[in-house]
Amino acid sequence: MISGKEVALQRKLKIEPIEGSYNSYAVKEKRDWSGNIYLACVAAILAIAFFT
């Protein structure tokens, strides 16, 4: 934190119990690809507009 401002990061986590153990859980992060899909669509539209 260089500027001293706190930034809240929201991550999508999936918590699953580990079979065969007591009070142990596996934490997995869910990937959100929606931002990359929108970026690819915008890039495709710009490429089409540039080459036509």
PDB file of N, CA and C in Angstrom:
ATOM      1  N   MET A   1       0.840  -1.184   0.000  1.00  0.00           N
ATOM      2  CA  MET A   1       0.000   0.000   0.000  1.00  0.00           C
ATOM      3  C   MET A   1       0.880   1.241   0.000  1.00  0.00           C
ATOM      4  N   ILE A   2       1.156   1.726  -1.150  1.00  0.00           N
ATOM      5  CA  ILE A   2       2.034   2.876  -1.282  1.00  0.00           C
ATOM      6  C   ILE A   2       1.289   4.160  -0.944  1.00  0.00           C
ATOM      7  N   SER A   3       0.057   4.282  -1.427  1.00  0.00           N
ATOM      8  CA  SER A   3      -0.676   5.531  -1.236  1.00  0.00           C
ATOM      9  C   SER A   3      -1.385   5.602   0.109  1.00  0.00           C
ATOM     10  N   GLY A   4      -1.431   4.510   0.850  1.00  0.00           N
ATOM     11  CA  GLY A   4      -2.109   4.521   2.134  1.00  0.00           C
ATOM     12  C   GLY A   4      -3.604   4.275   2.025  1.00  0.00           C
ATOM     13  N   LYS A   5      -4.097   4.098   0.814  1.00  0.00           N
ATOM     14  CA  LYS A   5      -5.520   3.821   0.617  1.00  0.00           C
ATOM     15  C   LYS A   5      -5.735   2.317   0.579  1.00  0.00           C
ATOM     16  N   GLU A   6      -6.783   1.899   1.260  1.00  0.00           N
ATOM     17  CA  GLU A   6      -7.103   0.476   1.288  1.00  0.00           C
ATOM     18  C   GLU A   6      -8.053   0.149   0.142  1.00  0.00           C
ATOM     19  N   VAL A   7      -7.735  -0.874  -0.612  1.00  0.00           N
ATOM     20  CA  VAL A   7      -8.554  -1.280  -1.744  1.00  0.00           C
ATOM     21  C   VAL A   7      -9.149  -2.641  -1.427  1.00  0.00           C
ATOM     22  N   ALA A   8     -10.472  -2.734  -1.512  1.00  0.00           N
ATOM     23  CA  ALA A   8     -11.151  -3.995  -1.233  1.00  0.00           C
ATOM     24  C   ALA A   8     -11.122  -4.867  -2.484  1.00  0.00           C
ATOM     25  N   LEU A   9     -10.532  -6.031  -2.362  1.00  0.00           N
ATOM     26  CA  LEU A   9     -10.496  -6.974  -3.472  1.00  0.00           C
ATOM     27  C   LEU A   9     -11.536  -8.051  -3.221  1.00  0.00           C
ATOM     28  N   GLN A  10     -12.401  -8.249  -4.169  1.00  0.00           N
ATOM     29  CA  GLN A  10     -13.420  -9.268  -4.034  1.00  0.00           C
ATOM     30  C   GLN A  10     -13.042 -10.433  -4.926  1.00  0.00           C
ATOM     31  N   ARG A  11     -12.792 -11.568  -4.298  1.00  0.00           N
ATOM     32  CA  ARG A  11     -12.440 -12.771  -5.029  1.00  0.00           C
ATOM     33  C   ARG A  11     -13.529 -13.809  -4.793  1.00  0.00           C
ATOM     34  N   LYS A  12     -13.805 -14.578  -5.822  1.00  0.00           N
ATOM     35  CA  LYS A  12     -14.805 -15.625  -5.710  1.00  0.00           C
ATOM     36  C   LYS A  12     -14.095 -16.908  -5.294  1.00  0.00           C
ATOM     37  N   LEU A  13     -14.397 -17.382  -4.102  1.00  0.00           N
ATOM     38  CA  LEU A  13     -13.744 -18.556  -3.574  1.00  0.00           C
ATOM     39  C   LEU A  13     -14.741 -19.700  -3.451  1.00  0.00           C
ATOM     40  N   LYS A  14     -14.245 -20.907  -3.652  1.00  0.00           N
ATOM     41  CA  LYS A  14     -15.052 -22.104  -3.479  1.00  0.00           C
ATOM     42  C   LYS A  14     -14.386 -22.938  -2.395  1.00  0.00           C
ATOM     43  N   ILE A  15     -15.107 -23.196  -1.313  1.00  0.00           N
ATOM     44  CA  ILE A  15     -14.558 -23.925  -0.184  1.00  0.00           C
ATOM     45  C   ILE A  15     -15.197 -25.303  -0.147  1.00  0.00           C
ATOM     46  N   GLU A  16     -14.363 -26.335  -0.207  1.00  0.00           N
ATOM     47  CA  GLU A  16     -14.840 -27.711  -0.218  1.00  0.00           C
ATOM     48  C   GLU A  16     -14.189 -28.481   0.919  1.00  0.00           C
ATOM     49  N   PRO A  17     -14.960 -29.302   1.636  1.00  0.00           N
ATOM     50  CA  PRO A  17     -14.339 -30.136   2.674  1.00  0.00           C
ATOM     51  C   PRO A  17     -13.478 -31.233   2.043  1.00  0.00           C
ATOM     52  N   ILE A  18     -12.373 -31.539   2.689  1.00  0.00           N
ATOM     53  CA  ILE A  18     -11.481 -32.590   2.213  1.00  0.00           C
ATOM     54  C   ILE A  18     -11.962 -33.906   2.799  1.00  0.00           C
ATOM     55  N   GLU A  19     -12.207 -34.874   1.916  1.00  0.00           N
ATOM     56  CA  GLU A  19     -12.704 -36.166   2.376  1.00  0.00           C
ATOM     57  C   GLU A  19     -11.630 -36.887   3.187  1.00  0.00           C
ATOM     58  N   GLY A  20     -12.073 -37.553   4.240  1.00  0.00           N
ATOM     59  CA  GLY A  20     -11.162 -38.335   5.065  1.00  0.00           C
ATOM     60  C   GLY A  20     -10.409 -37.510   6.090  1.00  0.00           C
ATOM     61  N   SER A  21     -10.759 -36.238   6.260  1.00  0.00           N
ATOM     62  CA  SER A  21     -10.087 -35.409   7.257  1.00  0.00           C
ATOM     63  C   SER A  21     -11.138 -34.714   8.118  1.00  0.00           C
ATOM     64  N   TYR A  22     -10.699 -34.250   9.263  1.00  0.00           N
ATOM     65  CA  TYR A  22     -11.599 -33.595  10.205  1.00  0.00           C
ATOM     66  C   TYR A  22     -11.310 -32.101  10.221  1.00  0.00           C
ATOM     67  N   ASN A  23     -12.313 -31.304   9.886  1.00  0.00           N
ATOM     68  CA  ASN A  23     -12.207 -29.844   9.865  1.00  0.00           C
ATOM     69  C   ASN A  23     -11.097 -29.336   8.945  1.00  0.00           C
ATOM     70  N   SER A  24     -10.919 -29.975   7.811  1.00  0.00           N
ATOM     71  CA  SER A  24      -9.960 -29.500   6.816  1.00  0.00           C
ATOM     72  C   SER A  24     -10.722 -29.186   5.541  1.00  0.00           C
ATOM     73  N   TYR A  25     -10.394 -28.054   4.952  1.00  0.00           N
ATOM     74  CA  TYR A  25     -11.101 -27.587   3.770  1.00  0.00           C
ATOM     75  C   TYR A  25     -10.107 -27.171   2.701  1.00  0.00           C
ATOM     76  N   ALA A  26     -10.494 -27.369   1.451  1.00  0.00           N
ATOM     77  CA  ALA A  26      -9.700 -26.906   0.321  1.00  0.00           C
ATOM     78  C   ALA A  26     -10.347 -25.629  -0.208  1.00  0.00           C
ATOM     79  N   VAL A  27      -9.536 -24.606  -0.395  1.00  0.00           N
ATOM     80  CA  VAL A  27     -10.021 -23.329  -0.899  1.00  0.00           C
ATOM     81  C   VAL A  27      -9.555 -23.179  -2.335  1.00  0.00           C
ATOM     82  N   LYS A  28     -10.525 -23.053  -3.248  1.00  0.00           N
ATOM     83  CA  LYS A  28     -10.214 -22.894  -4.659  1.00  0.00           C
ATOM     84  C   LYS A  28     -10.806 -21.579  -5.143  1.00  0.00           C
ATOM     85  N   GLU A  29     -10.047 -20.900  -5.969  1.00  0.00           N
ATOM     86  CA  GLU A  29     -10.513 -19.623  -6.509  1.00  0.00           C
ATOM     87  C   GLU A  29     -11.222 -19.859  -7.835  1.00  0.00           C
ATOM     88  N   LYS A  30     -12.425 -19.304  -7.947  1.00  0.00           N
ATOM     89  CA  LYS A  30     -13.171 -19.402  -9.197  1.00  0.00           C
ATOM     90  C   LYS A  30     -12.660 -18.329 -10.145  1.00  0.00           C
ATOM     91  N   ARG A  31     -12.401 -18.701 -11.371  1.00  0.00           N
ATOM     92  CA  ARG A  31     -11.935 -17.749 -12.385  1.00  0.00           C
ATOM     93  C   ARG A  31     -13.129 -17.087 -13.050  1.00  0.00           C
ATOM     94  N   ASP A  32     -13.027 -15.790 -13.217  1.00  0.00           N
ATOM     95  CA  ASP A  32     -14.079 -15.034 -13.888  1.00  0.00           C
ATOM     96  C   ASP A  32     -13.537 -14.573 -15.236  1.00  0.00           C
ATOM     97  N   TRP A  33     -14.037 -15.179 -16.306  1.00  0.00           N
ATOM     98  CA  TRP A  33     -13.542 -14.904 -17.647  1.00  0.00           C
ATOM     99  C   TRP A  33     -14.369 -13.846 -18.366  1.00  0.00           C
ATOM    100  N   SER A  34     -15.391 -13.288 -17.730  1.00  0.00           N
ATOM    101  CA  SER A  34     -16.277 -12.359 -18.439  1.00  0.00           C
ATOM    102  C   SER A  34     -15.534 -11.107 -18.902  1.00  0.00           C
ATOM    103  N   GLY A  35     -14.615 -10.597 -18.119  1.00  0.00           N
ATOM    104  CA  GLY A  35     -13.863  -9.412 -18.519  1.00  0.00           C
ATOM    105  C   GLY A  35     -13.003  -9.675 -19.734  1.00  0.00           C
ATOM    106  N   ASN A  36     -12.397 -10.857 -19.801  1.00  0.00           N
ATOM    107  CA  ASN A  36     -11.567 -11.205 -20.949  1.00  0.00           C
ATOM    108  C   ASN A  36     -12.410 -11.406 -22.194  1.00  0.00           C
ATOM    109  N   ILE A  37     -13.612 -11.934 -22.050  1.00  0.00           N
ATOM    110  CA  ILE A  37     -14.501 -12.147 -23.195  1.00  0.00           C
ATOM    111  C   ILE A  37     -14.924 -10.802 -23.780  1.00  0.00           C
ATOM    112  N   TYR A  38     -15.282  -9.852 -22.914  1.00  0.00           N
ATOM    113  CA  TYR A  38     -15.667  -8.517 -23.386  1.00  0.00           C
ATOM    114  C   TYR A  38     -14.490  -7.838 -24.089  1.00  0.00           C
ATOM    115  N   LEU A  39     -13.306  -7.981 -23.545  1.00  0.00           N
ATOM    116  CA  LEU A  39     -12.120  -7.385 -24.158  1.00  0.00           C
ATOM    117  C   LEU A  39     -11.858  -7.987 -25.536  1.00  0.00           C
ATOM    118  N   ALA A  40     -12.019  -9.297 -25.669  1.00  0.00           N
ATOM    119  CA  ALA A  40     -11.814  -9.952 -26.959  1.00  0.00           C
ATOM    120  C   ALA A  40     -12.850  -9.486 -27.981  1.00  0.00           C
ATOM    121  N   CYS A  41     -14.095  -9.290 -27.551  1.00  0.00           N
ATOM    122  CA  CYS A  41     -15.138  -8.810 -28.470  1.00  0.00           C
ATOM    123  C   CYS A  41     -14.838  -7.392 -28.950  1.00  0.00           C
ATOM    124  N   VAL A  42     -14.425  -6.531 -28.051  1.00  0.00           N
ATOM    125  CA  VAL A  42     -14.091  -5.154 -28.427  1.00  0.00           C
ATOM    126  C   VAL A  42     -12.897  -5.145 -29.382  1.00  0.00           C
ATOM    127  N   ALA A  43     -11.898  -5.981 -29.098  1.00  0.00           N
ATOM    128  CA  ALA A  43     -10.728  -6.052 -29.976  1.00  0.00           C
ATOM    129  C   ALA A  43     -11.117  -6.570 -31.362  1.00  0.00           C
ATOM    130  N   ALA A  44     -12.017  -7.543 -31.420  1.00  0.00           N
ATOM    131  CA  ALA A  44     -12.467  -8.074 -32.712  1.00  0.00           C
ATOM    132  C   ALA A  44     -13.229  -7.020 -33.498  1.00  0.00           C
ATOM    133  N   ILE A  45     -14.078  -6.261 -32.828  1.00  0.00           N
ATOM    134  CA  ILE A  45     -14.836  -5.206 -33.503  1.00  0.00           C
ATOM    135  C   ILE A  45     -13.895  -4.126 -34.043  1.00  0.00           C
ATOM    136  N   LEU A  46     -12.906  -3.757 -33.245  1.00  0.00           N
ATOM    137  CA  LEU A  46     -11.932  -2.749 -33.700  1.00  0.00           C
ATOM    138  C   LEU A  46     -11.107  -3.266 -34.874  1.00  0.00           C
ATOM    139  N   ALA A  47     -10.742  -4.542 -34.837  1.00  0.00           N
ATOM    140  CA  ALA A  47      -9.963  -5.113 -35.936  1.00  0.00           C
ATOM    141  C   ALA A  47     -10.794  -5.150 -37.221  1.00  0.00           C
ATOM    142  N   ILE A  48     -12.053  -5.518 -37.123  1.00  0.00           N
ATOM    143  CA  ILE A  48     -12.944  -5.541 -38.298  1.00  0.00           C
ATOM    144  C   ILE A  48     -13.108  -4.136 -38.863  1.00  0.00           C
ATOM    145  N   ALA A  49     -13.307  -3.155 -37.974  1.00  0.00           N
ATOM    146  CA  ALA A  49     -13.484  -1.772 -38.418  1.00  0.00           C
ATOM    147  C   ALA A  49     -12.196  -1.238 -39.054  1.00  0.00           C
ATOM    148  N   PHE A  50     -11.045  -1.660 -38.554  1.00  0.00           N
ATOM    149  CA  PHE A  50      -9.792  -1.171 -39.090  1.00  0.00           C
ATOM    150  C   PHE A  50      -9.514  -1.749 -40.476  1.00  0.00           C
ATOM    151  N   PHE A  51      -9.798  -3.019 -40.688  1.00  0.00           N
ATOM    152  CA  PHE A  51      -9.467  -3.669 -41.944  1.00  0.00           C
ATOM    153  C   PHE A  51     -10.539  -3.542 -43.023  1.00  0.00           C
ATOM    154  N   THR A  52     -11.680  -2.927 -42.719  1.00  0.00           N
ATOM    155  CA  THR A  52     -12.707  -2.756 -43.748  1.00  0.00           C
ATOM    156  C   THR A  52     -12.747  -1.331 -44.240  1.00  0.00           C
TER     157      THR A  52
END
